[in-house]
N, C-alpha and C. Protein backbone atom coordinates (compact mmCIF):
# COMPACT_ATOMS: atom_id res chain seq x y z
N MET A 1 103.58 143.99 146.02
CA MET A 1 104.05 142.75 146.69
C MET A 1 105.40 142.58 147.48
N LYS A 2 105.92 142.47 148.46
CA LYS A 2 106.63 141.98 148.98
C LYS A 2 107.45 140.63 149.22
N ILE A 3 108.78 140.43 148.82
CA ILE A 3 108.83 139.04 149.50
C ILE A 3 110.02 138.66 150.19
N GLU A 4 110.15 138.15 151.44
CA GLU A 4 110.59 138.81 152.05
C GLU A 4 110.99 136.94 152.97
N GLN A 5 113.21 136.95 152.83
CA GLN A 5 113.38 135.97 154.05
C GLN A 5 112.31 135.66 155.39
N THR A 6 112.42 134.66 155.61
CA THR A 6 111.38 134.73 157.26
C THR A 6 111.40 133.03 157.67
N PRO A 7 111.77 133.31 159.12
CA PRO A 7 111.74 132.15 160.35
C PRO A 7 110.81 131.27 159.57
N TRP A 8 110.62 129.83 159.73
CA TRP A 8 110.33 128.56 159.62
C TRP A 8 108.90 129.34 160.35
N ALA A 9 109.50 129.21 161.77
CA ALA A 9 108.12 129.51 162.67
C ALA A 9 107.34 130.62 162.25
N ASP A 10 107.83 131.87 161.93
CA ASP A 10 106.74 132.64 161.34
C ASP A 10 105.53 132.65 161.57
N PRO A 11 104.77 133.17 162.29
CA PRO A 11 102.82 132.83 162.83
C PRO A 11 102.44 132.66 161.34
N ASP A 12 102.69 134.50 160.40
CA ASP A 12 101.97 133.74 158.83
C ASP A 12 102.09 132.99 158.00
N ALA A 13 103.87 132.45 158.27
CA ALA A 13 104.28 131.59 157.42
C ALA A 13 103.86 129.81 158.14
N SER A 14 103.12 130.03 159.36
CA SER A 14 103.01 128.71 159.32
C SER A 14 101.11 128.98 159.09
N LEU A 15 100.83 129.68 159.25
CA LEU A 15 99.47 129.76 158.49
C LEU A 15 99.08 129.41 157.42
N LEU A 16 100.14 130.16 156.58
CA LEU A 16 99.87 129.51 154.98
C LEU A 16 100.37 128.31 154.90
N ARG A 17 101.22 127.75 155.20
CA ARG A 17 101.50 126.21 155.21
C ARG A 17 100.82 125.39 155.71
N SER A 18 99.40 125.97 157.06
CA SER A 18 99.02 125.13 157.53
C SER A 18 97.31 124.86 156.54
N ARG A 19 97.37 126.10 156.07
CA ARG A 19 96.09 126.23 154.58
C ARG A 19 96.73 125.35 153.60
N GLN A 20 97.96 125.46 153.05
CA GLN A 20 98.49 124.18 152.17
C GLN A 20 98.29 122.79 152.17
N ARG A 21 98.81 122.60 153.77
CA ARG A 21 98.73 121.09 153.60
C ARG A 21 96.82 120.64 153.69
N VAL A 22 95.94 121.29 154.46
CA VAL A 22 94.03 121.00 154.62
C VAL A 22 93.55 121.78 152.81
N GLU A 23 94.04 122.32 151.41
CA GLU A 23 94.22 121.66 150.24
C GLU A 23 94.79 121.02 150.10
N ILE A 24 95.87 120.51 150.21
CA ILE A 24 96.53 118.57 149.95
C ILE A 24 95.55 117.64 150.50
N ALA A 25 95.14 117.88 151.24
CA ALA A 25 94.40 116.91 151.89
C ALA A 25 92.95 116.85 151.25
N GLU A 26 92.47 117.76 150.77
CA GLU A 26 91.01 117.71 150.47
C GLU A 26 91.29 117.07 149.23
N ILE A 27 92.10 117.64 147.99
CA ILE A 27 92.49 116.93 146.65
C ILE A 27 92.95 115.58 146.84
N TYR A 28 93.28 114.73 147.88
CA TYR A 28 93.60 113.46 147.29
C TYR A 28 93.21 112.61 149.26
N GLY A 29 92.34 113.29 149.60
CA GLY A 29 91.45 112.63 150.21
C GLY A 29 92.14 111.89 151.35
N THR A 30 92.95 112.62 152.09
CA THR A 30 93.90 111.74 153.20
C THR A 30 94.70 113.20 153.71
N PRO A 31 94.44 113.21 155.32
CA PRO A 31 95.59 114.57 155.92
C PRO A 31 97.18 114.11 155.59
N ASP A 32 97.47 112.73 155.58
CA ASP A 32 98.48 112.82 154.71
C ASP A 32 99.58 111.99 153.60
N SER A 33 99.57 113.20 152.93
CA SER A 33 99.38 112.20 151.40
C SER A 33 101.84 112.85 151.57
N GLU A 34 101.57 112.99 151.67
CA GLU A 34 103.17 113.55 151.45
C GLU A 34 103.99 112.44 151.57
N PRO A 35 105.07 111.66 150.48
CA PRO A 35 105.84 110.73 151.10
C PRO A 35 107.20 111.07 151.15
N GLY A 36 107.94 110.52 152.07
CA GLY A 36 109.33 110.75 153.31
C GLY A 36 109.36 112.04 154.13
N VAL A 37 109.84 112.15 154.72
CA VAL A 37 110.01 113.41 155.68
C VAL A 37 109.28 114.36 155.83
N PRO A 38 108.50 115.12 155.82
CA PRO A 38 107.96 116.48 155.79
C PRO A 38 109.45 117.49 156.37
N PRO A 39 108.79 118.30 155.49
CA PRO A 39 110.09 119.60 155.78
C PRO A 39 109.60 120.39 157.73
N SER A 40 110.68 121.08 157.50
CA SER A 40 110.78 121.61 159.17
C SER A 40 112.00 122.29 159.46
N GLU A 41 112.00 123.19 160.10
CA GLU A 41 112.91 124.38 160.71
C GLU A 41 114.50 123.41 160.51
N ALA A 42 114.71 122.27 160.66
CA ALA A 42 115.21 121.84 160.49
C ALA A 42 116.70 121.55 159.20
N ASP A 43 115.14 121.48 158.71
CA ASP A 43 116.23 121.12 157.31
C ASP A 43 115.61 122.19 156.01
N ILE A 44 114.80 123.46 156.54
CA ILE A 44 114.40 123.96 155.39
C ILE A 44 115.70 125.15 155.29
N THR A 45 116.18 125.22 154.30
CA THR A 45 117.65 125.67 154.11
C THR A 45 116.95 127.50 154.38
N VAL A 46 116.09 127.89 153.37
CA VAL A 46 115.37 129.28 153.27
C VAL A 46 114.20 129.29 153.39
N PHE A 47 112.96 129.72 154.11
CA PHE A 47 111.67 130.06 153.57
C PHE A 47 111.33 131.35 153.57
N LEU A 48 110.57 131.89 152.21
CA LEU A 48 110.66 132.93 151.88
C LEU A 48 108.34 133.05 152.00
N LEU A 49 108.42 134.53 152.58
CA LEU A 49 107.18 134.94 152.48
C LEU A 49 106.31 136.21 151.88
N ALA A 50 106.23 135.98 151.02
CA ALA A 50 105.06 136.69 149.75
C ALA A 50 103.88 137.79 151.00
N ARG A 51 103.74 138.83 150.77
CA ARG A 51 103.07 139.68 151.46
C ARG A 51 102.33 140.49 150.83
N SER A 52 100.94 141.31 151.02
CA SER A 52 100.75 142.35 150.02
C SER A 52 101.06 143.38 149.91
N ASP A 53 101.15 144.55 149.03
CA ASP A 53 101.01 145.83 150.04
C ASP A 53 100.53 146.11 151.34
N GLU A 54 99.52 145.22 151.14
CA GLU A 54 99.08 145.82 153.27
C GLU A 54 99.59 145.25 153.92
N GLY A 55 100.23 144.15 153.49
CA GLY A 55 100.73 143.52 154.52
C GLY A 55 100.42 142.02 155.08
N ILE A 56 99.26 141.90 153.93
CA ILE A 56 98.53 140.49 154.31
C ILE A 56 99.60 138.98 153.86
N PRO A 57 99.33 138.05 154.81
CA PRO A 57 100.25 137.44 153.95
C PRO A 57 99.52 135.98 152.27
N VAL A 58 100.05 136.50 151.49
CA VAL A 58 99.19 135.41 150.39
C VAL A 58 100.40 134.37 149.92
N GLY A 59 101.43 134.30 149.93
CA GLY A 59 101.81 133.00 149.40
C GLY A 59 103.43 132.95 150.76
N CYS A 60 103.99 131.58 149.98
CA CYS A 60 105.04 131.08 150.98
C CYS A 60 105.37 130.19 149.64
N GLY A 61 106.98 129.72 150.22
CA GLY A 61 108.26 128.70 149.49
C GLY A 61 109.40 128.78 150.13
N GLY A 62 109.74 127.26 150.11
CA GLY A 62 110.99 126.93 150.32
C GLY A 62 111.97 126.12 150.26
N LEU A 63 112.88 126.28 150.46
CA LEU A 63 113.98 124.85 149.82
C LEU A 63 114.38 124.35 150.72
N ARG A 64 114.41 123.46 150.40
CA ARG A 64 115.50 121.81 150.96
C ARG A 64 116.54 122.15 150.18
N GLU A 65 117.59 122.08 151.16
CA GLU A 65 118.95 121.32 150.30
C GLU A 65 119.17 119.31 150.03
N LEU A 66 119.54 119.91 149.03
CA LEU A 66 119.45 117.94 148.24
C LEU A 66 120.97 117.92 148.69
N GLY A 67 121.96 118.66 148.24
CA GLY A 67 123.62 118.37 147.87
C GLY A 67 123.71 118.13 146.35
N GLY A 68 124.75 118.32 146.29
CA GLY A 68 125.38 118.19 144.97
C GLY A 68 124.53 119.42 143.60
N GLY A 69 124.70 120.81 144.54
CA GLY A 69 124.33 121.55 144.30
C GLY A 69 122.80 122.12 143.96
N VAL A 70 121.76 121.04 143.61
CA VAL A 70 120.33 120.63 143.72
C VAL A 70 119.60 121.07 145.29
N GLY A 71 118.47 121.95 144.74
CA GLY A 71 117.59 122.10 146.18
C GLY A 71 116.26 121.74 145.65
N GLU A 72 115.43 121.16 146.54
CA GLU A 72 114.05 121.33 145.92
C GLU A 72 113.08 122.07 147.21
N ILE A 73 112.01 122.32 145.86
CA ILE A 73 110.77 123.57 146.64
C ILE A 73 110.18 122.63 147.48
N LYS A 74 109.66 123.44 148.31
CA LYS A 74 108.65 122.53 149.72
C LYS A 74 108.17 124.05 150.03
N ARG A 75 106.88 123.12 150.31
CA ARG A 75 105.76 124.08 150.43
C ARG A 75 105.45 125.32 150.43
N MET A 76 105.28 125.44 148.66
CA MET A 76 105.10 126.22 147.71
C MET A 76 103.58 126.68 147.60
N TYR A 77 103.14 127.34 148.21
CA TYR A 77 101.62 127.55 148.38
C TYR A 77 101.59 129.20 147.69
N VAL A 78 100.41 129.59 147.28
CA VAL A 78 99.71 131.17 147.43
C VAL A 78 98.16 130.54 147.76
N ALA A 79 97.81 131.62 148.46
CA ALA A 79 96.53 131.97 149.21
C ALA A 79 95.73 131.76 147.61
N PRO A 80 94.50 131.14 147.82
CA PRO A 80 93.37 131.03 146.37
C PRO A 80 92.85 132.46 146.43
N ALA A 81 92.40 133.64 146.74
CA ALA A 81 92.41 135.10 146.76
C ALA A 81 92.97 135.21 145.66
N TRP A 82 94.51 135.01 145.93
CA TRP A 82 95.76 136.19 145.56
C TRP A 82 96.60 134.90 144.11
N ARG A 83 95.42 133.72 143.96
CA ARG A 83 96.22 133.31 142.66
C ARG A 83 95.79 133.82 141.25
N GLY A 84 96.98 134.00 140.44
CA GLY A 84 96.63 134.70 139.26
C GLY A 84 96.88 136.42 139.19
N SER A 85 97.51 136.19 140.46
CA SER A 85 98.21 137.65 141.02
C SER A 85 99.85 138.27 140.42
N GLY A 86 100.95 137.16 140.11
CA GLY A 86 101.94 136.86 139.61
C GLY A 86 102.37 136.63 141.12
N ALA A 87 101.88 136.48 142.06
CA ALA A 87 102.46 136.53 143.62
C ALA A 87 103.12 134.73 143.61
N ALA A 88 102.72 134.28 142.45
CA ALA A 88 103.73 132.16 142.52
C ALA A 88 104.85 132.58 141.88
N GLU A 89 104.69 133.83 140.33
CA GLU A 89 105.93 133.77 139.91
C GLU A 89 106.64 134.62 140.66
N ARG A 90 106.44 135.26 141.60
CA ARG A 90 107.55 136.59 142.27
C ARG A 90 108.16 135.39 143.15
N ILE A 91 107.03 134.73 143.96
CA ILE A 91 108.15 133.55 144.81
C ILE A 91 109.18 132.70 144.28
N LEU A 92 108.49 132.01 143.00
CA LEU A 92 109.48 131.07 142.65
C LEU A 92 110.91 131.78 142.32
N ARG A 93 110.92 132.71 141.44
CA ARG A 93 111.73 133.77 140.99
C ARG A 93 112.47 133.99 142.31
N ALA A 94 111.95 134.42 142.99
CA ALA A 94 113.10 134.96 144.54
C ALA A 94 113.18 133.54 144.93
N LEU A 95 113.31 131.98 145.05
CA LEU A 95 113.48 131.28 145.70
C LEU A 95 114.69 130.84 144.50
N GLU A 96 114.44 130.90 143.51
CA GLU A 96 115.30 130.21 142.76
C GLU A 96 116.58 131.28 142.22
N ASP A 97 116.68 132.74 142.60
CA ASP A 97 117.75 133.85 142.69
C ASP A 97 118.35 133.41 144.03
N TRP A 98 117.45 133.14 144.98
CA TRP A 98 118.42 132.93 146.49
C TRP A 98 119.43 131.69 146.03
N ALA A 99 118.81 130.59 145.48
CA ALA A 99 119.43 128.87 145.25
C ALA A 99 120.79 129.43 144.08
N ARG A 100 120.24 130.09 143.32
CA ARG A 100 121.43 130.92 142.40
C ARG A 100 122.86 131.41 143.16
N SER A 101 122.33 132.76 144.29
CA SER A 101 122.86 133.12 144.53
C SER A 101 123.93 132.57 145.99
N SER A 102 123.36 131.88 146.06
CA SER A 102 124.12 130.28 146.93
C SER A 102 125.29 129.55 146.38
N GLY A 103 125.27 129.34 145.45
CA GLY A 103 125.79 128.37 144.35
C GLY A 103 125.39 126.92 143.60
N TRP A 104 123.73 126.69 144.40
CA TRP A 104 123.24 125.59 143.25
C TRP A 104 122.68 126.13 142.24
N THR A 105 122.77 125.00 140.96
CA THR A 105 123.02 125.01 139.63
C THR A 105 121.35 123.72 139.58
N ALA A 106 120.70 123.79 140.46
CA ALA A 106 119.42 123.18 139.85
C ALA A 106 118.45 123.09 140.69
N LEU A 107 117.26 122.92 140.83
CA LEU A 107 116.34 122.94 141.56
C LEU A 107 115.35 121.76 140.64
N ARG A 108 114.78 121.09 142.03
CA ARG A 108 114.10 120.32 141.78
C ARG A 108 112.69 120.56 142.69
N LEU A 109 111.57 119.78 141.97
CA LEU A 109 110.27 119.30 143.11
C LEU A 109 109.52 118.50 143.00
N GLU A 110 108.20 118.31 143.34
CA GLU A 110 107.24 116.81 143.25
C GLU A 110 106.42 117.96 143.66
N THR A 111 105.08 117.56 142.63
CA THR A 111 103.95 117.84 142.97
C THR A 111 102.73 116.43 142.79
N GLY A 112 101.84 116.35 142.59
CA GLY A 112 100.84 115.18 142.26
C GLY A 112 100.14 115.20 141.36
N ASP A 113 99.71 114.14 140.82
CA ASP A 113 98.81 113.57 139.28
C ASP A 113 97.16 114.78 139.65
N ARG A 114 96.81 114.80 140.77
CA ARG A 114 95.76 115.64 140.98
C ARG A 114 95.96 116.99 140.98
N GLN A 115 96.88 118.11 140.56
CA GLN A 115 97.72 119.24 140.96
C GLN A 115 97.67 119.85 139.54
N PRO A 116 96.96 119.69 138.07
CA PRO A 116 97.38 119.86 137.10
C PRO A 116 97.92 121.65 136.87
N ALA A 117 97.09 122.57 137.59
CA ALA A 117 97.35 123.36 137.76
C ALA A 117 99.00 123.62 138.13
N ALA A 118 99.01 123.44 138.93
CA ALA A 118 100.50 122.76 139.59
C ALA A 118 101.75 122.78 138.28
N VAL A 119 101.22 121.57 137.42
CA VAL A 119 102.00 120.79 136.68
C VAL A 119 101.91 122.33 135.46
N ARG A 120 101.12 122.68 135.06
CA ARG A 120 100.55 123.79 134.16
C ARG A 120 101.75 124.86 134.49
N PHE A 121 102.09 125.39 135.69
CA PHE A 121 102.34 126.68 136.50
C PHE A 121 104.30 125.78 136.19
N TYR A 122 104.33 124.89 136.74
CA TYR A 122 106.39 124.93 136.87
C TYR A 122 106.99 124.42 135.22
N THR A 123 105.94 123.75 134.62
CA THR A 123 105.78 123.50 133.04
C THR A 123 106.08 124.85 132.14
N ARG A 124 105.65 126.29 132.28
CA ARG A 124 105.33 127.96 132.05
C ARG A 124 106.91 128.01 132.68
N ALA A 125 107.09 127.70 133.81
CA ALA A 125 108.46 128.45 134.60
C ALA A 125 109.59 128.14 134.01
N GLY A 126 109.79 126.80 133.00
CA GLY A 126 111.11 126.11 132.70
C GLY A 126 110.96 125.07 133.66
N TYR A 127 110.06 124.09 134.09
CA TYR A 127 110.83 122.98 134.79
C TYR A 127 110.73 121.93 133.91
N ARG A 128 111.24 120.80 133.78
CA ARG A 128 110.93 119.60 132.85
C ARG A 128 111.08 118.56 133.69
N PRO A 129 109.72 117.53 132.79
CA PRO A 129 110.11 116.55 133.46
C PRO A 129 111.15 115.67 134.00
N ILE A 130 111.02 115.27 135.19
CA ILE A 130 112.05 114.17 135.48
C ILE A 130 111.85 112.91 136.23
N PRO A 131 112.66 111.72 136.09
CA PRO A 131 112.01 110.15 137.10
C PRO A 131 112.02 111.00 138.34
N ASN A 132 111.09 110.04 138.54
CA ASN A 132 110.70 111.08 140.31
C ASN A 132 112.25 110.44 141.04
N PHE A 133 112.34 111.37 142.02
CA PHE A 133 113.63 111.38 142.57
C PHE A 133 113.16 111.01 144.25
N GLY A 134 114.22 110.96 145.39
CA GLY A 134 114.23 110.30 146.24
C GLY A 134 113.18 109.31 147.05
N ALA A 135 111.79 109.90 147.83
CA ALA A 135 111.38 109.60 148.68
C ALA A 135 109.86 109.50 147.78
N TYR A 136 110.00 110.03 146.57
CA TYR A 136 108.73 110.03 145.74
C TYR A 136 109.25 108.72 144.13
N ALA A 137 110.33 108.42 144.64
CA ALA A 137 110.80 107.67 143.45
C ALA A 137 109.77 106.14 143.00
N ASP A 138 108.75 105.20 144.18
CA ASP A 138 108.51 104.65 144.06
C ASP A 138 106.60 104.79 144.00
N ILE A 139 106.17 106.25 144.14
CA ILE A 139 105.28 106.67 144.35
C ILE A 139 104.76 107.26 143.20
N PRO A 140 103.50 106.45 142.26
CA PRO A 140 102.97 106.06 140.57
C PRO A 140 102.02 107.84 140.48
N ALA A 141 102.47 108.78 141.86
CA ALA A 141 100.89 109.56 141.32
C ALA A 141 101.64 110.40 141.74
N SER A 142 103.64 110.53 142.27
CA SER A 142 103.71 111.80 141.90
C SER A 142 104.37 112.01 140.87
N ARG A 143 104.73 113.53 140.37
CA ARG A 143 105.04 114.26 139.10
C ARG A 143 106.42 114.71 139.60
N CYS A 144 107.94 114.63 138.79
CA CYS A 144 108.93 115.74 139.91
C CYS A 144 109.25 116.63 138.38
N PHE A 145 109.93 117.36 138.91
CA PHE A 145 110.71 118.31 138.06
C PHE A 145 111.64 119.01 137.91
N GLU A 146 112.77 119.62 137.21
CA GLU A 146 113.92 120.24 137.78
C GLU A 146 113.89 121.08 136.54
N ARG A 147 114.85 122.13 137.27
CA ARG A 147 114.94 123.24 136.38
C ARG A 147 116.79 124.08 136.54
N VAL A 148 117.66 123.63 135.42
CA VAL A 148 118.96 123.83 135.88
C VAL A 148 119.44 125.21 136.01
N LEU A 149 119.47 126.37 136.90
CA LEU A 149 119.53 127.17 136.60
C LEU A 149 120.72 128.17 136.48
């Protein structure tokens, strides 16, 4: 598996992000369950794409700078057929490595109360619950986490 930085507009990255949004819409029963400003090319500092050894796009994730050496993980996604392959762990570690090399000291993220697998994944990866932040502050269904790098 290979993980590379890619432009936000890369067709494979766009496809994976759209699949992620479809999956989230199915979970929450609405096409727009994201509080705040959705991530975009203008505010994502780095976006990573994971490909299989055969070149198949299998997962992605990006970082949005929050300021003060803190970033937010956005659009972390692994295609269902690749879950359990280690792709998510590799993408997350690559994002953390990028953040550290850029002088960031912590990463935050938001997931929802209907995504227990995501909560387990991030908890196992060393992320700890924090009070809801930013656009998620008043969203009872949001679950926010942080890891000091």
